[in-house]
Amino acid sequence: MGQPLYAEKQAVKDYWNEQSCGESYMDASVDPYESVRSTRYDLIPDLKRYADFPSAAGKDVLEIGVGLGTDFANWLRNNPKSLTGVDLTERAIQHAREHLARLGLDTRAVVLQTADAESLPFGDNSFDLVYSWGVLHHSPDTPRAIAEVHRVLRPGGRACVMVYHSPSIVGILLWVRYALLTGKPWRNLRYIYSNYLESPGTKAYSRSEARELFRMFSSADVSVELNHGDLLEGTVGQRHQGALLSIARRVWPRRLLKRFARSLGNDLVVIARK
């Protein structure tokens, strides 16, 4: 049993070592991290509300999956007592360090290191706030990773975790492309997410499945939001270029989707208390 899980995790690590999440938005003609910062919060307008960066003041904060360090820098700007960031790849850790250095932020209270979300190298009850946006659905054993969030969180502490939602517009679009149009309509959304959305084995959850994942917490509020993939904005779809995608980008009814299709969003946000 151990070897297949190791192979799955290595495949995920290899995928993100090729390009950290958000690198496609880096503009070398200016400060590359500045271009990522401006794009990220335009494409994910709800992120700041859910994260609640000012809540970090005076607290011990952990971010799981720092990526390019964009959110990590925002946590640091809000004066946490300590700020720890982990990622599966050294590539992301180096990006986050460079990002903070370019911003000139005081990093004396910062720890950045590679770590496996399924086995965090921290003691029980170590953090007041644990944050992970769009990361834990990539881990081969997502329930174990969420159990680790619970373990390292202090009683009364808050966790903010975004995982992918199913069914979603993104999932349906990928199903049409890689199931219906290939003559294999029996391929379900779980198969589609695992094979065609980001790293190998990517998962998505319904609201009820998310509540089950977070059942060990004293409370868990679950919300669904449209993301830039659902709206065909940004560089989304770069793995799936073609004439149909180009046409869809031009005619996509974004205003109607924002008004009527929020329940089919690809982002499932859980705010949990231990």
Protein backbone atom coordinates (compact mmCIF):
# COMPACT_ATOMS: atom_id res chain seq x y z
CA MET A 1 0.00 0.00 0.00
CA GLY A 2 2.86 2.43 0.81
CA GLN A 3 4.52 2.35 -2.58
CA PRO A 4 1.50 3.47 -4.64
CA LEU A 5 0.85 6.38 -2.24
CA TYR A 6 4.52 7.36 -2.44
CA ALA A 7 4.34 7.27 -6.23
CA GLU A 8 1.19 9.41 -6.21
CA LYS A 9 2.81 11.99 -3.95
CA GLN A 10 5.96 12.05 -6.06
CA ALA A 11 3.82 12.69 -9.15
CA VAL A 12 2.17 15.65 -7.42
CA LYS A 13 5.56 16.98 -6.31
CA ASP A 14 7.02 16.61 -9.79
CA TYR A 15 4.06 18.47 -11.32
CA TRP A 16 4.41 21.51 -9.04
CA ASN A 17 8.19 21.47 -9.29
CA GLU A 18 7.75 22.18 -12.99
CA GLN A 19 5.84 25.37 -12.24
CA SER A 20 4.51 26.70 -8.95
CA CYS A 21 0.88 27.75 -8.88
CA GLY A 22 0.59 31.28 -10.27
CA GLU A 23 3.87 31.37 -12.18
CA SER A 24 1.97 31.80 -15.45
CA TYR A 25 1.09 35.32 -14.26
CA MET A 26 4.68 36.40 -13.60
CA ASP A 27 5.78 39.28 -15.83
CA ALA A 28 9.56 39.47 -16.13
CA SER A 29 9.40 43.00 -17.58
CA VAL A 30 8.38 44.34 -14.13
CA ASP A 31 8.65 42.94 -10.61
CA PRO A 32 7.29 39.46 -11.38
CA TYR A 33 5.71 39.10 -7.95
CA GLU A 34 3.92 42.43 -8.24
CA SER A 35 2.18 41.21 -11.38
CA VAL A 36 1.10 38.05 -9.54
CA ARG A 37 -0.25 40.04 -6.58
CA SER A 38 -2.42 42.29 -8.72
CA THR A 39 -3.76 39.42 -10.78
CA ARG A 40 -4.45 37.01 -7.91
CA TYR A 41 -6.87 39.19 -6.00
CA ASP A 42 -8.60 40.42 -9.15
CA LEU A 43 -9.26 36.82 -10.18
CA ILE A 44 -10.19 35.63 -6.67
CA PRO A 45 -12.08 38.60 -5.18
CA ASP A 46 -13.54 36.56 -2.30
CA LEU A 47 -10.18 35.30 -1.03
CA LYS A 48 -9.36 38.27 1.19
CA ARG A 49 -12.78 38.13 2.83
CA TYR A 50 -12.45 34.46 3.70
CA ALA A 51 -8.80 34.64 4.74
CA ASP A 52 -9.35 37.70 6.93
CA PHE A 53 -5.67 38.63 6.92
CA PRO A 54 -6.00 41.22 9.75
CA SER A 55 -7.04 38.38 12.08
CA ALA A 56 -3.37 37.28 12.12
CA ALA A 57 -2.35 40.09 14.47
CA GLY A 58 -0.57 38.70 17.52
CA LYS A 59 -1.23 35.07 16.56
CA ASP A 60 0.79 32.05 15.55
CA VAL A 61 -0.14 31.41 11.91
CA LEU A 62 0.54 28.47 9.61
CA GLU A 63 0.02 28.47 5.84
CA ILE A 64 0.05 25.07 4.13
CA GLY A 65 1.06 25.41 0.48
CA VAL A 66 2.67 28.84 0.19
CA GLY A 67 3.07 28.77 -3.60
CA LEU A 68 4.62 32.07 -4.71
CA GLY A 69 4.13 33.59 -1.25
CA THR A 70 1.42 36.09 -2.22
CA ASP A 71 -0.98 35.31 0.62
CA PHE A 72 1.96 34.57 2.91
CA ALA A 73 3.16 38.15 2.49
CA ASN A 74 -0.29 39.43 3.43
CA TRP A 75 -0.27 37.39 6.62
CA LEU A 76 3.13 38.84 7.47
CA ARG A 77 1.96 42.42 6.86
CA ASN A 78 -0.66 41.95 9.59
CA ASN A 79 1.84 41.46 12.43
CA PRO A 80 1.44 37.85 13.51
CA LYS A 81 3.31 36.67 16.58
CA SER A 82 4.88 34.05 14.33
CA LEU A 83 4.33 32.99 10.73
CA THR A 84 5.18 29.55 9.40
CA GLY A 85 4.83 28.46 5.79
CA VAL A 86 5.24 25.01 4.30
CA ASP A 87 5.09 23.59 0.81
CA LEU A 88 5.75 20.22 -0.78
CA THR A 89 8.28 21.73 -3.20
CA GLU A 90 11.52 23.61 -2.65
CA ARG A 91 10.65 25.64 -5.76
CA ALA A 92 7.72 27.25 -3.95
CA ILE A 93 9.73 27.88 -0.79
CA GLN A 94 12.40 29.68 -2.80
CA HIS A 95 9.73 31.75 -4.55
CA ALA A 96 8.17 32.74 -1.22
CA ARG A 97 11.55 33.76 0.22
CA GLU A 98 12.37 35.85 -2.85
CA HIS A 99 8.91 37.44 -2.75
CA LEU A 100 9.32 38.55 0.88
CA ALA A 101 12.83 39.83 0.18
CA ARG A 102 11.63 41.97 -2.73
CA LEU A 103 8.93 43.45 -0.50
CA GLY A 104 11.51 44.27 2.19
CA LEU A 105 9.39 42.72 4.94
CA ASP A 106 10.77 41.90 8.38
CA THR A 107 11.09 38.11 8.39
CA ARG A 108 12.44 37.56 11.92
CA ALA A 109 9.19 35.84 12.95
CA VAL A 110 9.02 33.77 9.74
CA VAL A 111 9.77 30.10 9.15
CA LEU A 112 9.60 28.69 5.61
CA GLN A 113 10.31 25.02 4.93
CA THR A 114 9.36 22.06 2.80
CA ALA A 115 6.92 19.68 4.47
CA ASP A 116 4.27 17.11 3.70
CA ALA A 117 0.74 18.27 4.60
CA GLU A 118 -0.11 14.71 5.61
CA SER A 119 2.63 14.69 8.24
CA LEU A 120 3.30 18.19 9.50
CA PRO A 121 6.53 18.60 11.52
CA PHE A 122 4.84 20.54 14.33
CA GLY A 123 3.51 19.63 17.75
CA ASP A 124 -0.13 19.40 18.71
CA ASN A 125 -1.91 22.71 19.37
CA SER A 126 0.88 24.83 17.84
CA PHE A 127 -1.09 27.45 15.89
CA ASP A 128 -3.99 29.84 16.39
CA LEU A 129 -4.77 30.01 12.69
CA VAL A 130 -4.17 27.52 9.86
CA TYR A 131 -4.71 28.58 6.25
CA SER A 132 -4.57 26.58 3.03
CA TRP A 133 -6.05 27.85 -0.23
CA GLY A 134 -6.40 25.37 -3.09
CA VAL A 135 -3.81 22.90 -1.85
CA LEU A 136 -5.10 19.94 0.17
CA HIS A 137 -7.18 18.48 -2.67
CA HIS A 138 -3.84 17.71 -4.38
CA SER A 139 -2.60 15.55 -1.52
CA PRO A 140 -3.11 11.81 -2.11
CA ASP A 141 -4.63 11.45 1.38
CA THR A 142 -6.67 14.62 1.82
CA PRO A 143 -8.54 13.38 4.94
CA ARG A 144 -5.20 12.79 6.64
CA ALA A 145 -4.02 16.29 5.69
CA ILE A 146 -7.17 17.82 7.18
CA ALA A 147 -6.69 15.74 10.32
CA GLU A 148 -3.23 17.31 10.54
CA VAL A 149 -4.78 20.79 10.31
CA HIS A 150 -6.97 19.86 13.27
CA ARG A 151 -4.05 18.39 15.23
CA VAL A 152 -1.76 21.42 14.99
CA LEU A 153 -4.58 23.94 15.58
CA ARG A 154 -5.14 25.14 19.13
CA PRO A 155 -8.55 24.74 20.79
CA GLY A 156 -10.72 27.63 19.65
CA GLY A 157 -8.40 28.27 16.69
CA ARG A 158 -9.61 28.97 13.17
CA ALA A 159 -8.85 27.07 9.97
CA CYS A 160 -9.54 28.51 6.52
CA VAL A 161 -9.27 25.82 3.85
CA MET A 162 -10.30 25.92 0.19
CA VAL A 163 -10.65 22.68 -1.72
CA TYR A 164 -12.30 22.10 -5.07
CA HIS A 165 -16.05 21.60 -5.32
CA SER A 166 -18.03 19.10 -7.34
CA PRO A 167 -20.17 19.40 -9.34
CA SER A 168 -18.79 22.63 -10.79
CA ILE A 169 -18.76 24.47 -14.09
CA VAL A 170 -15.06 23.65 -14.43
CA GLY A 171 -15.76 19.97 -13.94
CA ILE A 172 -18.62 19.98 -16.43
CA LEU A 173 -16.52 21.78 -19.05
CA LEU A 174 -13.71 19.27 -18.65
CA TRP A 175 -16.20 16.38 -18.77
CA VAL A 176 -17.58 17.67 -22.08
CA ARG A 177 -14.05 17.97 -23.48
CA TYR A 178 -12.54 14.74 -22.18
CA ALA A 179 -15.54 12.44 -21.82
CA LEU A 180 -18.46 13.42 -24.05
CA LEU A 181 -16.46 14.66 -27.05
CA THR A 182 -14.07 11.71 -26.89
CA GLY A 183 -16.93 9.21 -26.98
CA LYS A 184 -16.42 8.16 -23.33
CA PRO A 185 -19.40 9.70 -21.51
CA TRP A 186 -19.12 7.10 -18.72
CA ARG A 187 -16.07 8.91 -17.34
CA ASN A 188 -17.29 10.51 -14.12
CA LEU A 189 -16.29 13.85 -12.63
CA ARG A 190 -13.96 12.18 -10.15
CA TYR A 191 -11.98 10.69 -13.04
CA ILE A 192 -12.00 14.01 -14.90
CA TYR A 193 -10.66 16.00 -11.95
CA SER A 194 -8.01 13.39 -11.22
CA ASN A 195 -6.68 13.28 -14.77
CA TYR A 196 -7.31 16.70 -16.33
CA LEU A 197 -7.35 19.39 -13.64
CA GLU A 198 -3.88 20.39 -12.46
CA SER A 199 -1.70 17.78 -10.74
CA PRO A 200 -2.41 14.04 -11.01
CA GLY A 201 -5.02 12.82 -8.53
CA THR A 202 -6.66 16.20 -7.90
CA LYS A 203 -9.95 15.76 -6.03
CA ALA A 204 -13.16 17.71 -5.54
CA TYR A 205 -15.87 17.45 -2.88
CA SER A 206 -19.54 18.11 -2.43
CA ARG A 207 -20.76 20.21 0.50
CA SER A 208 -21.76 17.11 2.44
CA GLU A 209 -18.41 15.44 1.74
CA ALA A 210 -16.62 18.54 2.99
CA ARG A 211 -18.62 18.53 6.21
CA GLU A 212 -17.61 14.90 6.68
CA LEU A 213 -13.94 15.77 6.09
CA PHE A 214 -14.14 18.41 8.84
CA ARG A 215 -16.32 16.44 11.24
CA MET A 216 -13.63 16.46 13.98
CA PHE A 217 -13.87 20.26 14.28
CA SER A 218 -16.38 21.85 16.66
CA SER A 219 -17.87 23.84 13.77
CA ALA A 220 -17.39 24.09 10.01
CA ASP A 221 -19.08 26.63 7.74
CA VAL A 222 -19.04 25.54 4.10
CA SER A 223 -19.44 27.96 1.17
CA VAL A 224 -19.17 27.58 -2.60
CA GLU A 225 -17.78 30.32 -4.84
CA LEU A 226 -17.28 30.66 -8.58
CA ASN A 227 -13.62 30.88 -9.51
CA HIS A 228 -11.78 32.19 -12.55
CA GLY A 229 -11.88 28.72 -14.07
CA ASP A 230 -15.68 28.68 -14.00
CA LEU A 231 -15.65 32.12 -15.61
CA LEU A 232 -12.93 31.27 -18.17
CA GLU A 233 -10.79 34.17 -16.99
CA GLY A 234 -7.03 34.56 -16.63
CA THR A 235 -4.75 31.82 -17.95
CA VAL A 236 -7.16 29.07 -16.94
CA GLY A 237 -7.38 26.36 -19.55
CA GLN A 238 -3.74 26.65 -20.66
CA ARG A 239 -3.49 22.84 -20.53
CA HIS A 240 -6.56 22.54 -22.76
CA GLN A 241 -6.06 24.98 -25.63
CA GLY A 242 -8.20 24.61 -28.74
CA ALA A 243 -10.75 26.28 -30.96
CA LEU A 244 -13.68 25.43 -28.67
CA LEU A 245 -12.00 27.05 -25.68
CA SER A 246 -11.13 30.16 -27.68
CA ILE A 247 -14.75 30.53 -28.81
CA ALA A 248 -16.09 29.87 -25.32
CA ARG A 249 -13.87 32.59 -23.82
CA ARG A 250 -15.41 35.16 -26.18
CA VAL A 251 -19.07 34.25 -25.63
CA TRP A 252 -19.03 32.99 -22.03
CA PRO A 253 -22.02 34.46 -20.08
CA ARG A 254 -20.00 35.56 -17.07
CA ARG A 255 -22.56 38.03 -15.74
CA LEU A 256 -25.33 35.43 -15.79
CA LEU A 257 -23.13 32.81 -14.17
CA LYS A 258 -22.20 35.18 -11.35
CA ARG A 259 -25.87 35.85 -10.73
CA PHE A 260 -27.41 32.39 -11.11
CA ALA A 261 -24.72 29.70 -10.97
CA ARG A 262 -22.80 30.33 -7.77
CA SER A 263 -23.79 26.88 -6.47
CA LEU A 264 -21.77 25.38 -9.34
CA GLY A 265 -18.57 27.18 -8.39
CA ASN A 266 -15.28 25.29 -8.28
CA ASP A 267 -14.11 26.71 -4.94
CA LEU A 268 -15.41 25.16 -1.74
CA VAL A 269 -14.32 27.22 1.28
CA VAL A 270 -14.45 25.82 4.79
CA ILE A 271 -14.09 28.03 7.86
CA ALA A 272 -13.66 25.66 10.78
CA ARG A 273 -13.15 26.05 14.52
CA LYS A 274 -11.46 23.48 16.74
